[in-house]
Amino acid sequence: MPAFTPQEIHFLFERAFNSGNVEDLVALYEPGAVLVSGGELFTGYEGIRNAYTAFLASGARMKLDTRAVIESGEGLAVLYGAWSLGPPSSTQGLSTEVVRRQPDGSWMFVIDNPHTPL
């Protein structure tokens, strides 16, 4: 299911993450998208799939709240989110993502940085 607003992509991400479905997560990204994880850049479907496959193995659940959306008239938007993970351990942070409107009107991640520095 595609996101038809920038905000909806957070809802779909949380749902795919919590179901443990790596293919549903990857489907939210453009083919050349970049994910920042553990200080490394993961690019494209294969890189993003590899990053999430290892992470989803922990079985952690995510809560993701959209804090702000800044949308341009050019089909780009920046999203800021507050997330938390747990159990087995409890972790939280802030994310910054760039999403782009696709020709069919849906939105997809272009850049995803789940660890925004404070």
N, C-alpha and C. Protein backbone atom coordinates (compact mmCIF):
# COMPACT_ATOMS: atom_id res chain seq x y z
N MET A 1 0.85 -1.18 0.00
CA MET A 1 0.00 0.00 0.00
C MET A 1 0.89 1.24 0.00
N PRO A 2 0.75 2.10 -0.96
CA PRO A 2 1.59 3.31 -1.02
C PRO A 2 1.07 4.41 -0.11
N ALA A 3 1.95 5.34 0.21
CA ALA A 3 1.60 6.53 1.00
C ALA A 3 1.12 7.60 0.04
N PHE A 4 -0.05 8.19 0.32
CA PHE A 4 -0.56 9.24 -0.55
C PHE A 4 -0.46 10.62 0.07
N THR A 5 0.17 10.71 1.25
CA THR A 5 0.58 11.98 1.85
C THR A 5 1.95 11.74 2.47
N PRO A 6 2.75 12.78 2.63
CA PRO A 6 4.03 12.57 3.30
C PRO A 6 3.87 11.95 4.70
N GLN A 7 2.87 12.39 5.45
CA GLN A 7 2.67 11.89 6.81
C GLN A 7 2.34 10.40 6.83
N GLU A 8 1.63 9.94 5.82
CA GLU A 8 1.20 8.54 5.79
C GLU A 8 2.37 7.57 5.70
N ILE A 9 3.49 8.02 5.16
CA ILE A 9 4.64 7.11 5.02
C ILE A 9 5.14 6.67 6.40
N HIS A 10 5.04 7.54 7.42
CA HIS A 10 5.43 7.13 8.77
C HIS A 10 4.52 6.01 9.28
N PHE A 11 3.21 6.14 9.06
CA PHE A 11 2.26 5.11 9.48
C PHE A 11 2.60 3.78 8.81
N LEU A 12 2.83 3.81 7.50
CA LEU A 12 3.14 2.58 6.76
C LEU A 12 4.47 1.99 7.19
N PHE A 13 5.45 2.85 7.49
CA PHE A 13 6.75 2.37 7.95
C PHE A 13 6.59 1.64 9.28
N GLU A 14 5.88 2.26 10.23
CA GLU A 14 5.68 1.65 11.55
C GLU A 14 4.97 0.29 11.40
N ARG A 15 3.96 0.24 10.57
CA ARG A 15 3.21 -1.00 10.38
C ARG A 15 4.09 -2.10 9.78
N ALA A 16 4.87 -1.77 8.75
CA ALA A 16 5.75 -2.76 8.12
C ALA A 16 6.84 -3.21 9.09
N PHE A 17 7.41 -2.28 9.83
CA PHE A 17 8.46 -2.61 10.80
C PHE A 17 7.91 -3.58 11.85
N ASN A 18 6.76 -3.24 12.41
CA ASN A 18 6.19 -4.06 13.49
C ASN A 18 5.70 -5.41 13.02
N SER A 19 5.41 -5.54 11.74
CA SER A 19 5.03 -6.85 11.20
C SER A 19 6.27 -7.67 10.85
N GLY A 20 7.44 -7.04 10.85
CA GLY A 20 8.68 -7.73 10.51
C GLY A 20 8.82 -7.99 9.02
N ASN A 21 8.09 -7.26 8.20
CA ASN A 21 8.08 -7.49 6.77
C ASN A 21 9.08 -6.59 6.05
N VAL A 22 10.24 -7.14 5.77
CA VAL A 22 11.32 -6.34 5.16
C VAL A 22 10.93 -5.87 3.76
N GLU A 23 10.18 -6.67 3.01
CA GLU A 23 9.80 -6.25 1.65
C GLU A 23 8.84 -5.08 1.67
N ASP A 24 7.93 -5.03 2.65
CA ASP A 24 7.04 -3.88 2.78
C ASP A 24 7.83 -2.62 3.15
N LEU A 25 8.88 -2.77 3.96
CA LEU A 25 9.75 -1.62 4.28
C LEU A 25 10.47 -1.12 3.04
N VAL A 26 11.09 -2.03 2.33
CA VAL A 26 11.86 -1.67 1.13
C VAL A 26 10.96 -1.00 0.09
N ALA A 27 9.71 -1.42 0.00
CA ALA A 27 8.77 -0.87 -0.98
C ALA A 27 8.45 0.60 -0.73
N LEU A 28 8.81 1.13 0.44
CA LEU A 28 8.56 2.54 0.76
C LEU A 28 9.67 3.45 0.25
N TYR A 29 10.73 2.88 -0.33
CA TYR A 29 11.90 3.63 -0.76
C TYR A 29 12.00 3.69 -2.28
N GLU A 30 12.52 4.81 -2.80
CA GLU A 30 12.85 4.89 -4.22
C GLU A 30 14.01 3.94 -4.51
N PRO A 31 14.19 3.53 -5.79
CA PRO A 31 15.26 2.59 -6.13
C PRO A 31 16.66 3.05 -5.71
N GLY A 32 16.96 4.33 -5.76
CA GLY A 32 18.29 4.83 -5.40
C GLY A 32 18.34 5.50 -4.04
N ALA A 33 17.36 5.24 -3.19
CA ALA A 33 17.29 5.89 -1.88
C ALA A 33 18.48 5.52 -1.00
N VAL A 34 18.69 6.36 0.02
CA VAL A 34 19.79 6.17 0.97
C VAL A 34 19.22 6.07 2.37
N LEU A 35 19.68 5.05 3.11
CA LEU A 35 19.35 4.86 4.52
C LEU A 35 20.64 4.98 5.31
N VAL A 36 20.63 5.81 6.35
CA VAL A 36 21.77 5.94 7.25
C VAL A 36 21.51 5.02 8.44
N SER A 37 22.41 4.11 8.71
CA SER A 37 22.23 3.19 9.84
C SER A 37 23.59 2.81 10.40
N GLY A 38 23.74 2.99 11.70
CA GLY A 38 25.01 2.63 12.33
C GLY A 38 26.19 3.40 11.78
N GLY A 39 25.96 4.63 11.30
CA GLY A 39 27.03 5.44 10.74
C GLY A 39 27.38 5.06 9.32
N GLU A 40 26.68 4.09 8.73
CA GLU A 40 26.93 3.67 7.35
C GLU A 40 25.79 4.11 6.46
N LEU A 41 26.09 4.24 5.16
CA LEU A 41 25.06 4.54 4.17
C LEU A 41 24.71 3.25 3.43
N PHE A 42 23.41 2.95 3.38
CA PHE A 42 22.90 1.81 2.64
C PHE A 42 22.08 2.37 1.49
N THR A 43 22.47 2.00 0.26
CA THR A 43 21.86 2.59 -0.93
C THR A 43 21.13 1.53 -1.73
N GLY A 44 19.98 1.93 -2.27
CA GLY A 44 19.22 1.04 -3.14
C GLY A 44 18.50 -0.05 -2.38
N TYR A 45 17.69 -0.78 -3.13
CA TYR A 45 16.86 -1.81 -2.51
C TYR A 45 17.68 -2.88 -1.79
N GLU A 46 18.75 -3.35 -2.41
CA GLU A 46 19.55 -4.41 -1.80
C GLU A 46 20.20 -3.94 -0.50
N GLY A 47 20.80 -2.76 -0.53
CA GLY A 47 21.45 -2.24 0.68
C GLY A 47 20.45 -2.01 1.80
N ILE A 48 19.31 -1.41 1.47
CA ILE A 48 18.28 -1.14 2.48
C ILE A 48 17.70 -2.45 3.02
N ARG A 49 17.46 -3.40 2.14
CA ARG A 49 16.97 -4.72 2.56
C ARG A 49 17.95 -5.37 3.53
N ASN A 50 19.23 -5.32 3.21
CA ASN A 50 20.24 -5.92 4.09
C ASN A 50 20.26 -5.25 5.46
N ALA A 51 20.17 -3.93 5.49
CA ALA A 51 20.19 -3.21 6.76
C ALA A 51 18.99 -3.60 7.61
N TYR A 52 17.81 -3.67 7.02
CA TYR A 52 16.61 -3.98 7.81
C TYR A 52 16.48 -5.46 8.16
N THR A 53 16.96 -6.35 7.31
CA THR A 53 16.85 -7.77 7.60
C THR A 53 17.55 -8.10 8.92
N ALA A 54 18.75 -7.57 9.09
CA ALA A 54 19.48 -7.82 10.34
C ALA A 54 18.77 -7.17 11.52
N PHE A 55 18.25 -5.97 11.32
CA PHE A 55 17.63 -5.24 12.42
C PHE A 55 16.31 -5.86 12.85
N LEU A 56 15.50 -6.31 11.90
CA LEU A 56 14.20 -6.89 12.21
C LEU A 56 14.31 -8.21 12.96
N ALA A 57 15.46 -8.86 12.85
CA ALA A 57 15.66 -10.14 13.54
C ALA A 57 15.54 -10.00 15.06
N SER A 58 15.73 -8.79 15.59
CA SER A 58 15.64 -8.58 17.04
C SER A 58 14.21 -8.71 17.55
N GLY A 59 13.22 -8.53 16.66
CA GLY A 59 11.82 -8.60 17.07
C GLY A 59 11.31 -7.38 17.81
N ALA A 60 12.10 -6.31 17.84
CA ALA A 60 11.68 -5.10 18.54
C ALA A 60 10.46 -4.49 17.87
N ARG A 61 9.67 -3.79 18.64
CA ARG A 61 8.49 -3.07 18.14
C ARG A 61 8.79 -1.58 18.13
N MET A 62 8.23 -0.87 17.15
CA MET A 62 8.49 0.56 17.00
C MET A 62 7.22 1.37 17.19
N LYS A 63 7.38 2.52 17.79
CA LYS A 63 6.34 3.55 17.83
C LYS A 63 6.96 4.76 17.15
N LEU A 64 6.28 5.31 16.12
CA LEU A 64 6.80 6.42 15.34
C LEU A 64 5.75 7.51 15.26
N ASP A 65 6.09 8.68 15.77
CA ASP A 65 5.18 9.83 15.77
C ASP A 65 5.75 10.92 14.87
N THR A 66 4.97 11.37 13.92
CA THR A 66 5.38 12.47 13.05
C THR A 66 5.33 13.76 13.85
N ARG A 67 6.46 14.46 13.93
CA ARG A 67 6.53 15.72 14.68
C ARG A 67 6.34 16.94 13.79
N ALA A 68 6.82 16.87 12.56
CA ALA A 68 6.68 18.01 11.64
C ALA A 68 6.86 17.54 10.21
N VAL A 69 6.21 18.24 9.31
CA VAL A 69 6.35 17.99 7.87
C VAL A 69 6.51 19.35 7.20
N ILE A 70 7.53 19.48 6.38
CA ILE A 70 7.73 20.68 5.58
C ILE A 70 7.67 20.25 4.13
N GLU A 71 6.66 20.71 3.42
CA GLU A 71 6.43 20.28 2.05
C GLU A 71 6.68 21.43 1.09
N SER A 72 7.42 21.13 0.03
CA SER A 72 7.64 22.13 -1.02
C SER A 72 6.57 21.97 -2.08
N GLY A 73 6.43 22.95 -2.91
CA GLY A 73 5.52 22.86 -4.03
C GLY A 73 6.11 22.06 -5.17
N GLU A 74 7.30 21.55 -4.99
CA GLU A 74 8.01 20.83 -6.04
C GLU A 74 7.96 19.32 -5.86
N GLY A 75 7.08 18.82 -4.99
CA GLY A 75 6.96 17.38 -4.80
C GLY A 75 7.98 16.79 -3.86
N LEU A 76 8.58 17.62 -3.01
CA LEU A 76 9.50 17.13 -1.98
C LEU A 76 8.97 17.52 -0.62
N ALA A 77 9.30 16.71 0.38
CA ALA A 77 8.93 17.03 1.75
C ALA A 77 10.00 16.49 2.69
N VAL A 78 10.17 17.19 3.81
CA VAL A 78 11.05 16.74 4.89
C VAL A 78 10.14 16.37 6.06
N LEU A 79 10.36 15.21 6.61
CA LEU A 79 9.60 14.75 7.77
C LEU A 79 10.54 14.63 8.96
N TYR A 80 10.02 14.97 10.12
CA TYR A 80 10.73 14.79 11.38
C TYR A 80 9.86 13.87 12.24
N GLY A 81 10.47 12.85 12.80
CA GLY A 81 9.71 11.91 13.62
C GLY A 81 10.42 11.60 14.92
N ALA A 82 9.62 11.26 15.92
CA ALA A 82 10.14 10.76 17.19
C ALA A 82 9.80 9.28 17.25
N TRP A 83 10.79 8.43 17.51
CA TRP A 83 10.55 7.00 17.52
C TRP A 83 11.06 6.38 18.81
N SER A 84 10.50 5.25 19.13
CA SER A 84 11.00 4.45 20.25
C SER A 84 10.92 2.98 19.85
N LEU A 85 11.85 2.20 20.37
CA LEU A 85 11.92 0.76 20.11
C LEU A 85 11.95 0.02 21.43
N GLY A 86 11.38 -1.14 21.45
CA GLY A 86 11.49 -2.00 22.62
C GLY A 86 10.51 -3.14 22.50
N PRO A 87 10.50 -4.07 23.39
CA PRO A 87 11.68 -4.63 24.05
C PRO A 87 12.54 -5.42 23.05
N PRO A 88 13.60 -6.01 23.29
CA PRO A 88 14.10 -6.30 24.63
C PRO A 88 14.70 -5.10 25.35
N SER A 89 15.36 -4.21 24.65
CA SER A 89 15.86 -3.01 25.30
C SER A 89 15.01 -1.84 24.82
N SER A 90 15.13 -0.71 25.49
CA SER A 90 14.35 0.47 25.11
C SER A 90 15.29 1.51 24.53
N THR A 91 14.99 1.96 23.32
CA THR A 91 15.79 2.96 22.63
C THR A 91 14.84 3.98 22.03
N GLN A 92 15.29 5.22 21.97
CA GLN A 92 14.47 6.24 21.32
C GLN A 92 15.36 7.22 20.58
N GLY A 93 14.75 7.97 19.67
CA GLY A 93 15.51 8.94 18.91
C GLY A 93 14.61 9.79 18.03
N LEU A 94 15.27 10.62 17.23
CA LEU A 94 14.59 11.50 16.28
C LEU A 94 15.06 11.15 14.88
N SER A 95 14.15 11.21 13.93
CA SER A 95 14.50 10.90 12.55
C SER A 95 14.23 12.10 11.66
N THR A 96 14.97 12.15 10.57
CA THR A 96 14.75 13.13 9.51
C THR A 96 14.72 12.36 8.20
N GLU A 97 13.66 12.58 7.41
CA GLU A 97 13.55 11.89 6.13
C GLU A 97 13.15 12.89 5.05
N VAL A 98 13.66 12.62 3.86
CA VAL A 98 13.23 13.35 2.66
C VAL A 98 12.40 12.36 1.85
N VAL A 99 11.19 12.79 1.47
CA VAL A 99 10.32 11.98 0.63
C VAL A 99 9.99 12.75 -0.64
N ARG A 100 9.67 11.99 -1.71
CA ARG A 100 9.37 12.62 -2.99
C ARG A 100 8.05 12.06 -3.52
N ARG A 101 7.23 12.96 -4.09
CA ARG A 101 6.00 12.53 -4.74
C ARG A 101 6.35 11.83 -6.04
N GLN A 102 5.75 10.68 -6.24
CA GLN A 102 5.98 9.87 -7.43
C GLN A 102 4.96 10.23 -8.51
N PRO A 103 5.21 9.84 -9.77
CA PRO A 103 4.27 10.16 -10.85
C PRO A 103 2.84 9.70 -10.59
N ASP A 104 2.65 8.63 -9.80
CA ASP A 104 1.30 8.15 -9.51
C ASP A 104 0.66 8.86 -8.32
N GLY A 105 1.38 9.86 -7.74
CA GLY A 105 0.85 10.62 -6.61
C GLY A 105 1.25 10.08 -5.26
N SER A 106 1.88 8.93 -5.21
CA SER A 106 2.34 8.37 -3.93
C SER A 106 3.65 9.04 -3.51
N TRP A 107 4.04 8.80 -2.27
CA TRP A 107 5.28 9.36 -1.73
C TRP A 107 6.22 8.23 -1.32
N MET A 108 7.53 8.43 -1.57
CA MET A 108 8.53 7.43 -1.21
C MET A 108 9.74 8.12 -0.59
N PHE A 109 10.44 7.36 0.26
CA PHE A 109 11.66 7.85 0.88
C PHE A 109 12.76 8.02 -0.16
N VAL A 110 13.49 9.13 -0.06
CA VAL A 110 14.68 9.38 -0.85
C VAL A 110 15.91 9.28 0.05
N ILE A 111 15.82 9.92 1.23
CA ILE A 111 16.88 9.89 2.25
C ILE A 111 16.20 9.61 3.58
N ASP A 112 16.76 8.67 4.34
CA ASP A 112 16.20 8.30 5.64
C ASP A 112 17.34 8.26 6.66
N ASN A 113 17.29 9.20 7.60
CA ASN A 113 18.28 9.23 8.68
C ASN A 113 17.55 9.10 10.01
N PRO A 114 17.51 7.88 10.56
CA PRO A 114 16.77 7.67 11.80
C PRO A 114 17.48 8.21 13.05
N HIS A 115 18.69 8.68 12.89
CA HIS A 115 19.45 9.17 14.05
C HIS A 115 19.87 10.63 13.84
N THR A 116 18.88 11.52 13.90
CA THR A 116 19.14 12.94 13.75
C THR A 116 19.90 13.45 14.96
N PRO A 117 21.05 14.09 14.76
CA PRO A 117 21.78 14.64 15.90
C PRO A 117 21.00 15.78 16.54
N LEU A 118 21.09 15.85 17.84
CA LEU A 118 20.41 16.93 18.57
C LEU A 118 21.26 18.17 18.63
